[in-house]
Amino acid sequence: MHTAAARVVAVTFGLTLFGHIPHAAAQDSKKRDATIEKCIARAHREYPDPGEAETFYRARTAVYKACMAENGEAP
């Protein structure tokens, strides 16, 4: 009987834990999406569309990566 009770407690705890993870992930996802949008806008503002100049694309990418790092996100 003790083993069955332990299983019930473990399953209940697991379901409770997994019920909160998607909510937290959704909040992180919204924050990340907002950060991505902000950093893309910043990169385009600092380096507008250059046509085909590779140097501008590299600089734009560097601005985007720096912005993401400043906001605690991976690029």
C-alpha atoms as a PDB file:
ATOM      1  CA  MET A   1       0.000   0.000   0.000  1.00  0.00           C
ATOM      2  CA  HIS A   2       2.884   2.371   0.763  1.00  0.00           C
ATOM      3  CA  THR A   3       4.254   1.923  -2.773  1.00  0.00           C
ATOM      4  CA  ALA A   4       0.887   2.738  -4.342  1.00  0.00           C
ATOM      5  CA  ALA A   5       0.570   5.905  -2.256  1.00  0.00           C
ATOM      6  CA  ALA A   6       4.078   6.965  -3.227  1.00  0.00           C
ATOM      7  CA  ARG A   7       3.215   6.470  -6.907  1.00  0.00           C
ATOM      8  CA  VAL A   8       0.077   8.578  -6.554  1.00  0.00           C
ATOM      9  CA  VAL A   9       2.062  11.370  -4.902  1.00  0.00           C
ATOM     10  CA  ALA A  10       4.763  11.197  -7.582  1.00  0.00           C
ATOM     11  CA  VAL A  11       2.240  11.249 -10.431  1.00  0.00           C
ATOM     12  CA  THR A  12       0.313  14.132  -8.860  1.00  0.00           C
ATOM     13  CA  PHE A  13       3.514  16.114  -8.354  1.00  0.00           C
ATOM     14  CA  GLY A  14       4.596  15.407 -11.929  1.00  0.00           C
ATOM     15  CA  LEU A  15       1.290  16.524 -13.392  1.00  0.00           C
ATOM     16  CA  THR A  16       1.337  19.668 -11.281  1.00  0.00           C
ATOM     17  CA  LEU A  17       4.888  20.480 -12.346  1.00  0.00           C
ATOM     18  CA  PHE A  18       4.207  19.911 -16.035  1.00  0.00           C
ATOM     19  CA  GLY A  19       1.072  22.013 -15.809  1.00  0.00           C
ATOM     20  CA  HIS A  20       3.145  25.063 -14.859  1.00  0.00           C
ATOM     21  CA  ILE A  21       6.008  24.642 -17.321  1.00  0.00           C
ATOM     22  CA  PRO A  22       4.049  25.440 -20.514  1.00  0.00           C
ATOM     23  CA  HIS A  23       2.664  28.616 -18.892  1.00  0.00           C
ATOM     24  CA  ALA A  24       6.162  29.778 -17.961  1.00  0.00           C
ATOM     25  CA  ALA A  25       7.468  28.856 -21.405  1.00  0.00           C
ATOM     26  CA  ALA A  26       4.666  30.840 -23.024  1.00  0.00           C
ATOM     27  CA  GLN A  27       5.583  33.911 -20.971  1.00  0.00           C
ATOM     28  CA  ASP A  28       9.248  33.516 -21.916  1.00  0.00           C
ATOM     29  CA  SER A  29       8.244  33.075 -25.547  1.00  0.00           C
ATOM     30  CA  LYS A  30       6.267  36.336 -25.546  1.00  0.00           C
ATOM     31  CA  LYS A  31       9.207  38.166 -23.966  1.00  0.00           C
ATOM     32  CA  ARG A  32      11.624  36.633 -26.461  1.00  0.00           C
ATOM     33  CA  ASP A  33       9.368  37.478 -29.416  1.00  0.00           C
ATOM     34  CA  ALA A  34       9.164  41.098 -28.253  1.00  0.00           C
ATOM     35  CA  THR A  35      12.946  41.237 -27.837  1.00  0.00           C
ATOM     36  CA  ILE A  36      13.520  39.780 -31.305  1.00  0.00           C
ATOM     37  CA  GLU A  37      11.149  42.319 -32.831  1.00  0.00           C
ATOM     38  CA  LYS A  38      12.864  45.174 -30.969  1.00  0.00           C
ATOM     39  CA  CYS A  39      16.354  44.023 -31.991  1.00  0.00           C
ATOM     40  CA  ILE A  40      15.434  43.546 -35.642  1.00  0.00           C
ATOM     41  CA  ALA A  41      13.967  47.052 -35.714  1.00  0.00           C
ATOM     42  CA  ARG A  42      17.113  48.446 -34.078  1.00  0.00           C
ATOM     43  CA  ALA A  43      19.394  46.671 -36.568  1.00  0.00           C
ATOM     44  CA  HIS A  44      17.369  47.929 -39.533  1.00  0.00           C
ATOM     45  CA  ARG A  45      17.270  51.456 -38.097  1.00  0.00           C
ATOM     46  CA  GLU A  46      21.049  51.563 -37.620  1.00  0.00           C
ATOM     47  CA  TYR A  47      21.800  49.870 -40.946  1.00  0.00           C
ATOM     48  CA  PRO A  48      18.990  50.451 -43.464  1.00  0.00           C
ATOM     49  CA  ASP A  49      18.650  48.206 -46.515  1.00  0.00           C
ATOM     50  CA  PRO A  50      22.005  48.498 -48.281  1.00  0.00           C
ATOM     51  CA  GLY A  51      21.154  46.676 -51.472  1.00  0.00           C
ATOM     52  CA  GLU A  52      23.792  43.984 -51.797  1.00  0.00           C
ATOM     53  CA  ALA A  53      26.586  45.391 -49.638  1.00  0.00           C
ATOM     54  CA  GLU A  54      27.772  42.461 -47.514  1.00  0.00           C
ATOM     55  CA  THR A  55      29.466  44.754 -45.013  1.00  0.00           C
ATOM     56  CA  PHE A  56      26.115  46.270 -44.053  1.00  0.00           C
ATOM     57  CA  TYR A  57      24.551  42.841 -43.575  1.00  0.00           C
ATOM     58  CA  ARG A  58      27.391  41.823 -41.273  1.00  0.00           C
ATOM     59  CA  ALA A  59      27.096  45.055 -39.298  1.00  0.00           C
ATOM     60  CA  ARG A  60      23.310  44.625 -39.078  1.00  0.00           C
ATOM     61  CA  THR A  61      23.797  41.089 -37.780  1.00  0.00           C
ATOM     62  CA  ALA A  62      26.297  42.312 -35.193  1.00  0.00           C
ATOM     63  CA  VAL A  63      23.825  44.955 -33.968  1.00  0.00           C
ATOM     64  CA  TYR A  64      21.073  42.332 -33.714  1.00  0.00           C
ATOM     65  CA  LYS A  65      23.295  39.920 -31.761  1.00  0.00           C
ATOM     66  CA  ALA A  66      24.482  42.665 -29.415  1.00  0.00           C
ATOM     67  CA  CYS A  67      20.915  43.784 -28.774  1.00  0.00           C
ATOM     68  CA  MET A  68      19.800  40.233 -27.991  1.00  0.00           C
ATOM     69  CA  ALA A  69      22.740  39.783 -25.593  1.00  0.00           C
ATOM     70  CA  GLU A  70      21.949  43.107 -23.893  1.00  0.00           C
ATOM     71  CA  ASN A  71      18.438  41.799 -23.263  1.00  0.00           C
ATOM     72  CA  GLY A  72      19.625  38.464 -21.899  1.00  0.00           C
ATOM     73  CA  GLU A  73      18.552  36.391 -24.888  1.00  0.00           C
ATOM     74  CA  ALA A  74      20.465  34.113 -27.227  1.00  0.00           C
ATOM     75  CA  PRO A  75      20.574  35.457 -30.813  1.00  0.00           C
END
